[in-house]
Every structure is written in C-alpha cells, then in structure tokens.
Amino acid sequence: MMSINAQRPPLYTAEQRRRRDASKWTLVQGVLAPVQFLAFLISLALVLYTLATGEGYVAATASVVIKTLILYAIMITGAIWEKHVFGRWLFAPAFWWEDAVSILVLALHTLYIAALVTGALASQALLLLALAAYATYCVNAAQYVWKFRLARLSTPEPAAVTA
C-alpha cells in the first residue's frame, strides 16, 4: 500500500513551510476557522428553525450576516497568508481548488447580502439561499480539512535525538 507521501508531492517546500510557520497570519487563520465554523453551526440551527417554524427570522438573518462578515475576514486574511507563504494573493497551485470553491462560497454569501439589502428575495427564498451558501461552505471546509491533513502527513518527522 502506497503512503500519501509517495502519491503526491509535498504541499509545502521547506521554504514555504518556514514562511507558514513564521507568519502571524497562520495563527489568525487558525483562530478564525473554528470561529467561523461555530458561527456556521449556530446560524444553520437558526436558519433551519426559522424555515421549520416561521419564527426567529431576525435572529436567523442576523446570524447569516455575522457568518458572512467572518467569512470576509477569513478570506482577506487567508489571501494575505497565501501571499506570505506562496507569494500569491490567491490561487497558489497548492490551494487552487480550495480557493476556487472559496470564491464560490464568497459569491453565494455576497449574493445573500445583496438580496437582503435590496429586498430582491422573499424571506424563505433568502434563507434557502443561505442554505445553498452553507452547503458550499461545508464542501470548502472539507477541502481545507483534507488539505491540512495531507500537509501534516507530508511533513517530515523531526530527526531523532541520539545520546
């Protein structure tokens, strides 16, 4: 059975790994990602509750707006992180597909905000749009979890210290 390391080139070069580990943006991403996931879970519950009962629309809407603001923050800081590590603001080869889906996630969330502000969609349609954005977010989150697992598995083990 082949290991993951034998099947794929490493996610980071030694220099990129050094820049990743030295960048303050790595910590920022590490903090924002779970915050965004928690906001997603809370908002998902509120949106589903509102769709099921017809109650709590204001809370559901506010939660989607908050989730979207956190998404903007993680996208901006993620682009800065990518620039620090890979020398590109977005679409570094190692994260091309993750960035592509992230743009779709951002577009759906932005469409939600635009529809909310303009009144272009009725409340139920707006909440269904939020669910579509959230489904895409789940795909994107899974991509990043998988990518970081690959990164961890492809990181060389530290040399053993011998006496």
C-alpha atoms as a PDB file:
ATOM      1  CA  MET A   1       0.000   0.000   0.000  1.00  0.00           C
ATOM      2  CA  MET A   2       1.390   3.390  -1.030  1.00  0.00           C
ATOM      3  CA  SER A   3       1.602   6.153   1.505  1.00  0.00           C
ATOM      4  CA  ILE A   4       0.145   9.594   0.854  1.00  0.00           C
ATOM      5  CA  ASN A   5       3.702  10.920   0.633  1.00  0.00           C
ATOM      6  CA  ALA A   6       4.504   8.579  -2.265  1.00  0.00           C
ATOM      7  CA  GLN A   7       1.368   9.558  -4.167  1.00  0.00           C
ATOM      8  CA  ARG A   8       1.655  13.351  -4.020  1.00  0.00           C
ATOM      9  CA  PRO A   9       4.411  15.915  -3.874  1.00  0.00           C
ATOM     10  CA  PRO A  10       4.657  17.724  -0.529  1.00  0.00           C
ATOM     11  CA  LEU A  11       2.180  20.547  -0.059  1.00  0.00           C
ATOM     12  CA  TYR A  12       4.918  22.960   1.009  1.00  0.00           C
ATOM     13  CA  THR A  13       8.543  23.338   0.059  1.00  0.00           C
ATOM     14  CA  ALA A  14      10.915  23.689   3.000  1.00  0.00           C
ATOM     15  CA  GLU A  15      10.972  27.477   2.461  1.00  0.00           C
ATOM     16  CA  GLN A  16       7.171  27.709   2.229  1.00  0.00           C
ATOM     17  CA  ARG A  17       6.855  25.659   5.424  1.00  0.00           C
ATOM     18  CA  ARG A  18       9.279  28.013   7.150  1.00  0.00           C
ATOM     19  CA  ARG A  19       7.266  31.057   5.993  1.00  0.00           C
ATOM     20  CA  ARG A  20       3.992  29.372   7.021  1.00  0.00           C
ATOM     21  CA  ASP A  21       5.316  28.601  10.482  1.00  0.00           C
ATOM     22  CA  ALA A  22       6.746  32.123  10.930  1.00  0.00           C
ATOM     23  CA  SER A  23       3.683  34.001   9.667  1.00  0.00           C
ATOM     24  CA  LYS A  24       1.340  35.624  12.169  1.00  0.00           C
ATOM     25  CA  TRP A  25      -1.394  35.016   9.565  1.00  0.00           C
ATOM     26  CA  THR A  26      -1.140  31.275  10.202  1.00  0.00           C
ATOM     27  CA  LEU A  27      -2.328  31.887  13.768  1.00  0.00           C
ATOM     28  CA  VAL A  28      -5.031  34.281  12.548  1.00  0.00           C
ATOM     29  CA  GLN A  29      -6.348  31.578  10.193  1.00  0.00           C
ATOM     30  CA  GLY A  30      -6.128  29.020  12.985  1.00  0.00           C
ATOM     31  CA  VAL A  31      -8.328  31.217  15.183  1.00  0.00           C
ATOM     32  CA  LEU A  32     -10.791  32.399  12.540  1.00  0.00           C
ATOM     33  CA  ALA A  33     -11.504  28.960  11.063  1.00  0.00           C
ATOM     34  CA  PRO A  34     -13.069  27.476  14.224  1.00  0.00           C
ATOM     35  CA  VAL A  35     -14.832  30.787  14.989  1.00  0.00           C
ATOM     36  CA  GLN A  36     -16.357  30.702  11.516  1.00  0.00           C
ATOM     37  CA  PHE A  37     -17.353  27.061  11.965  1.00  0.00           C
ATOM     38  CA  LEU A  38     -19.067  27.845  15.271  1.00  0.00           C
ATOM     39  CA  ALA A  39     -20.875  30.799  13.664  1.00  0.00           C
ATOM     40  CA  PHE A  40     -21.920  28.458  10.852  1.00  0.00           C
ATOM     41  CA  LEU A  41     -23.353  25.867  13.270  1.00  0.00           C
ATOM     42  CA  ILE A  42     -25.306  28.479  15.234  1.00  0.00           C
ATOM     43  CA  SER A  43     -26.576  30.153  12.086  1.00  0.00           C
ATOM     44  CA  LEU A  44     -27.501  26.847  10.463  1.00  0.00           C
ATOM     45  CA  ALA A  45     -29.589  25.945  13.502  1.00  0.00           C
ATOM     46  CA  LEU A  46     -31.320  29.339  13.456  1.00  0.00           C
ATOM     47  CA  VAL A  47     -31.991  29.208   9.698  1.00  0.00           C
ATOM     48  CA  LEU A  48     -33.387  25.670   9.899  1.00  0.00           C
ATOM     49  CA  TYR A  49     -35.512  26.617  12.915  1.00  0.00           C
ATOM     50  CA  THR A  50     -36.919  29.616  11.058  1.00  0.00           C
ATOM     51  CA  LEU A  51     -37.661  27.579   7.937  1.00  0.00           C
ATOM     52  CA  ALA A  52     -39.371  24.881  10.031  1.00  0.00           C
ATOM     53  CA  THR A  53     -41.402  27.162  12.303  1.00  0.00           C
ATOM     54  CA  GLY A  54     -41.632  30.535  10.580  1.00  0.00           C
ATOM     55  CA  GLU A  55     -40.281  32.112  13.780  1.00  0.00           C
ATOM     56  CA  GLY A  56     -36.968  33.789  14.525  1.00  0.00           C
ATOM     57  CA  TYR A  57     -36.374  35.376  11.135  1.00  0.00           C
ATOM     58  CA  VAL A  58     -34.498  38.381  12.554  1.00  0.00           C
ATOM     59  CA  ALA A  59     -32.106  36.173  14.550  1.00  0.00           C
ATOM     60  CA  ALA A  60     -31.564  33.868  11.578  1.00  0.00           C
ATOM     61  CA  THR A  61     -30.885  36.809   9.280  1.00  0.00           C
ATOM     62  CA  ALA A  62     -28.504  38.428  11.757  1.00  0.00           C
ATOM     63  CA  SER A  63     -26.642  35.134  12.140  1.00  0.00           C
ATOM     64  CA  VAL A  64     -26.144  34.820   8.376  1.00  0.00           C
ATOM     65  CA  VAL A  65     -24.834  38.389   8.230  1.00  0.00           C
ATOM     66  CA  ILE A  66     -22.415  37.666  11.094  1.00  0.00           C
ATOM     67  CA  LYS A  67     -21.286  34.425   9.429  1.00  0.00           C
ATOM     68  CA  THR A  68     -20.731  36.363   6.190  1.00  0.00           C
ATOM     69  CA  LEU A  69     -18.645  39.033   7.928  1.00  0.00           C
ATOM     70  CA  ILE A  70     -16.478  36.325   9.478  1.00  0.00           C
ATOM     71  CA  LEU A  71     -16.167  34.729   6.032  1.00  0.00           C
ATOM     72  CA  TYR A  72     -14.950  38.051   4.582  1.00  0.00           C
ATOM     73  CA  ALA A  73     -12.390  38.297   7.400  1.00  0.00           C
ATOM     74  CA  ILE A  74     -11.091  34.783   6.835  1.00  0.00           C
ATOM     75  CA  MET A  75     -10.956  35.295   3.069  1.00  0.00           C
ATOM     76  CA  ILE A  76      -8.992  38.544   3.346  1.00  0.00           C
ATOM     77  CA  THR A  77      -6.577  37.224   5.944  1.00  0.00           C
ATOM     78  CA  GLY A  78      -6.316  33.941   4.028  1.00  0.00           C
ATOM     79  CA  ALA A  79      -5.246  35.829   0.908  1.00  0.00           C
ATOM     80  CA  ILE A  80      -2.624  37.660   2.977  1.00  0.00           C
ATOM     81  CA  TRP A  81      -1.469  34.299   4.398  1.00  0.00           C
ATOM     82  CA  GLU A  82      -1.240  32.840   0.904  1.00  0.00           C
ATOM     83  CA  LYS A  83       0.833  35.838  -0.231  1.00  0.00           C
ATOM     84  CA  HIS A  84       3.215  35.383   2.715  1.00  0.00           C
ATOM     85  CA  VAL A  85       3.609  31.645   2.199  1.00  0.00           C
ATOM     86  CA  PHE A  86       3.337  31.182  -1.575  1.00  0.00           C
ATOM     87  CA  GLY A  87       3.969  34.674  -2.971  1.00  0.00           C
ATOM     88  CA  ARG A  88       0.460  34.916  -4.488  1.00  0.00           C
ATOM     89  CA  TRP A  89      -2.694  36.511  -3.125  1.00  0.00           C
ATOM     90  CA  LEU A  90      -4.877  33.630  -4.312  1.00  0.00           C
ATOM     91  CA  PHE A  91      -4.766  30.527  -6.466  1.00  0.00           C
ATOM     92  CA  ALA A  92      -1.335  29.273  -5.448  1.00  0.00           C
ATOM     93  CA  PRO A  93      -1.060  25.835  -7.077  1.00  0.00           C
ATOM     94  CA  ALA A  94      -1.150  24.046  -3.696  1.00  0.00           C
ATOM     95  CA  PHE A  95      -4.534  25.635  -2.858  1.00  0.00           C
ATOM     96  CA  TRP A  96      -6.021  26.287  -6.290  1.00  0.00           C
ATOM     97  CA  TRP A  97      -9.190  24.181  -5.887  1.00  0.00           C
ATOM     98  CA  GLU A  98      -9.769  25.331  -2.325  1.00  0.00           C
ATOM     99  CA  ASP A  99      -9.508  28.944  -3.459  1.00  0.00           C
ATOM    100  CA  ALA A 100     -11.838  28.318  -6.417  1.00  0.00           C
ATOM    101  CA  VAL A 101     -14.538  26.883  -4.144  1.00  0.00           C
ATOM    102  CA  SER A 102     -13.880  29.649  -1.595  1.00  0.00           C
ATOM    103  CA  ILE A 103     -14.708  32.204  -4.292  1.00  0.00           C
ATOM    104  CA  LEU A 104     -17.999  30.389  -4.936  1.00  0.00           C
ATOM    105  CA  VAL A 105     -18.748  30.376  -1.192  1.00  0.00           C
ATOM    106  CA  LEU A 106     -17.949  34.091  -1.028  1.00  0.00           C
ATOM    107  CA  ALA A 107     -20.131  34.783  -4.079  1.00  0.00           C
ATOM    108  CA  LEU A 108     -23.132  32.975  -2.578  1.00  0.00           C
ATOM    109  CA  HIS A 109     -22.765  34.756   0.757  1.00  0.00           C
ATOM    110  CA  THR A 110     -22.395  38.093  -1.044  1.00  0.00           C
ATOM    111  CA  LEU A 111     -25.474  37.325  -3.137  1.00  0.00           C
ATOM    112  CA  TYR A 112     -27.342  36.709   0.131  1.00  0.00           C
ATOM    113  CA  ILE A 113     -26.253  40.119   1.477  1.00  0.00           C
ATOM    114  CA  ALA A 114     -27.179  41.832  -1.802  1.00  0.00           C
ATOM    115  CA  ALA A 115     -30.599  40.161  -1.867  1.00  0.00           C
ATOM    116  CA  LEU A 116     -31.161  41.063   1.791  1.00  0.00           C
ATOM    117  CA  VAL A 117     -30.229  44.717   1.291  1.00  0.00           C
ATOM    118  CA  THR A 118     -32.214  45.140  -1.930  1.00  0.00           C
ATOM    119  CA  GLY A 119     -35.213  43.057  -0.899  1.00  0.00           C
ATOM    120  CA  ALA A 120     -34.780  41.022  -4.093  1.00  0.00           C
ATOM    121  CA  LEU A 121     -35.859  37.771  -2.412  1.00  0.00           C
ATOM    122  CA  ALA A 122     -38.673  36.878  -0.046  1.00  0.00           C
ATOM    123  CA  SER A 123     -37.623  35.698   3.405  1.00  0.00           C
ATOM    124  CA  GLN A 124     -37.960  31.982   2.687  1.00  0.00           C
ATOM    125  CA  ALA A 125     -36.010  32.250  -0.586  1.00  0.00           C
ATOM    126  CA  LEU A 126     -33.360  34.261   1.221  1.00  0.00           C
ATOM    127  CA  LEU A 127     -32.977  31.565   3.864  1.00  0.00           C
ATOM    128  CA  LEU A 128     -32.795  28.888   1.177  1.00  0.00           C
ATOM    129  CA  LEU A 129     -30.014  30.896  -0.475  1.00  0.00           C
ATOM    130  CA  ALA A 130     -28.229  30.917   2.884  1.00  0.00           C
ATOM    131  CA  LEU A 131     -28.532  27.125   2.990  1.00  0.00           C
ATOM    132  CA  ALA A 132     -27.035  26.878  -0.503  1.00  0.00           C
ATOM    133  CA  ALA A 133     -24.149  29.093   0.631  1.00  0.00           C
ATOM    134  CA  TYR A 134     -23.727  26.923   3.722  1.00  0.00           C
ATOM    135  CA  ALA A 135     -23.711  23.683   1.719  1.00  0.00           C
ATOM    136  CA  THR A 136     -20.938  25.113  -0.449  1.00  0.00           C
ATOM    137  CA  TYR A 137     -19.118  26.259   2.687  1.00  0.00           C
ATOM    138  CA  CYS A 138     -19.238  22.671   4.000  1.00  0.00           C
ATOM    139  CA  VAL A 139     -17.615  21.397   0.812  1.00  0.00           C
ATOM    140  CA  ASN A 140     -14.930  24.071   1.128  1.00  0.00           C
ATOM    141  CA  ALA A 141     -14.333  23.347   4.807  1.00  0.00           C
ATOM    142  CA  ALA A 142     -13.919  19.648   3.975  1.00  0.00           C
ATOM    143  CA  GLN A 143     -11.390  20.591   1.283  1.00  0.00           C
ATOM    144  CA  TYR A 144      -9.311  22.512   3.808  1.00  0.00           C
ATOM    145  CA  VAL A 145      -9.518  19.789   6.450  1.00  0.00           C
ATOM    146  CA  TRP A 146      -8.335  17.274   3.846  1.00  0.00           C
ATOM    147  CA  LYS A 147      -5.557  19.593   2.627  1.00  0.00           C
ATOM    148  CA  PHE A 148      -4.249  20.228   6.121  1.00  0.00           C
ATOM    149  CA  ARG A 149      -4.349  16.507   6.841  1.00  0.00           C
ATOM    150  CA  LEU A 150      -2.230  15.964   3.732  1.00  0.00           C
ATOM    151  CA  ALA A 151       0.130  18.701   4.902  1.00  0.00           C
ATOM    152  CA  ARG A 152       0.500  17.066   8.296  1.00  0.00           C
ATOM    153  CA  LEU A 153       1.102  13.652   6.758  1.00  0.00           C
ATOM    154  CA  SER A 154       3.667  15.029   4.320  1.00  0.00           C
ATOM    155  CA  THR A 155       5.615  16.985   6.944  1.00  0.00           C
ATOM    156  CA  PRO A 156       8.932  15.288   7.596  1.00  0.00           C
ATOM    157  CA  GLU A 157       9.364  13.830  11.046  1.00  0.00           C
ATOM    158  CA  PRO A 158      11.903  15.666  13.213  1.00  0.00           C
ATOM    159  CA  ALA A 159      15.227  13.877  13.434  1.00  0.00           C
ATOM    160  CA  ALA A 160      15.534  11.677  16.484  1.00  0.00           C
ATOM    161  CA  VAL A 161      17.934  12.879  19.120  1.00  0.00           C
ATOM    162  CA  THR A 162      20.533  10.291  19.995  1.00  0.00           C
ATOM    163  CA  ALA A 163      22.784  10.334  23.003  1.00  0.00           C
END
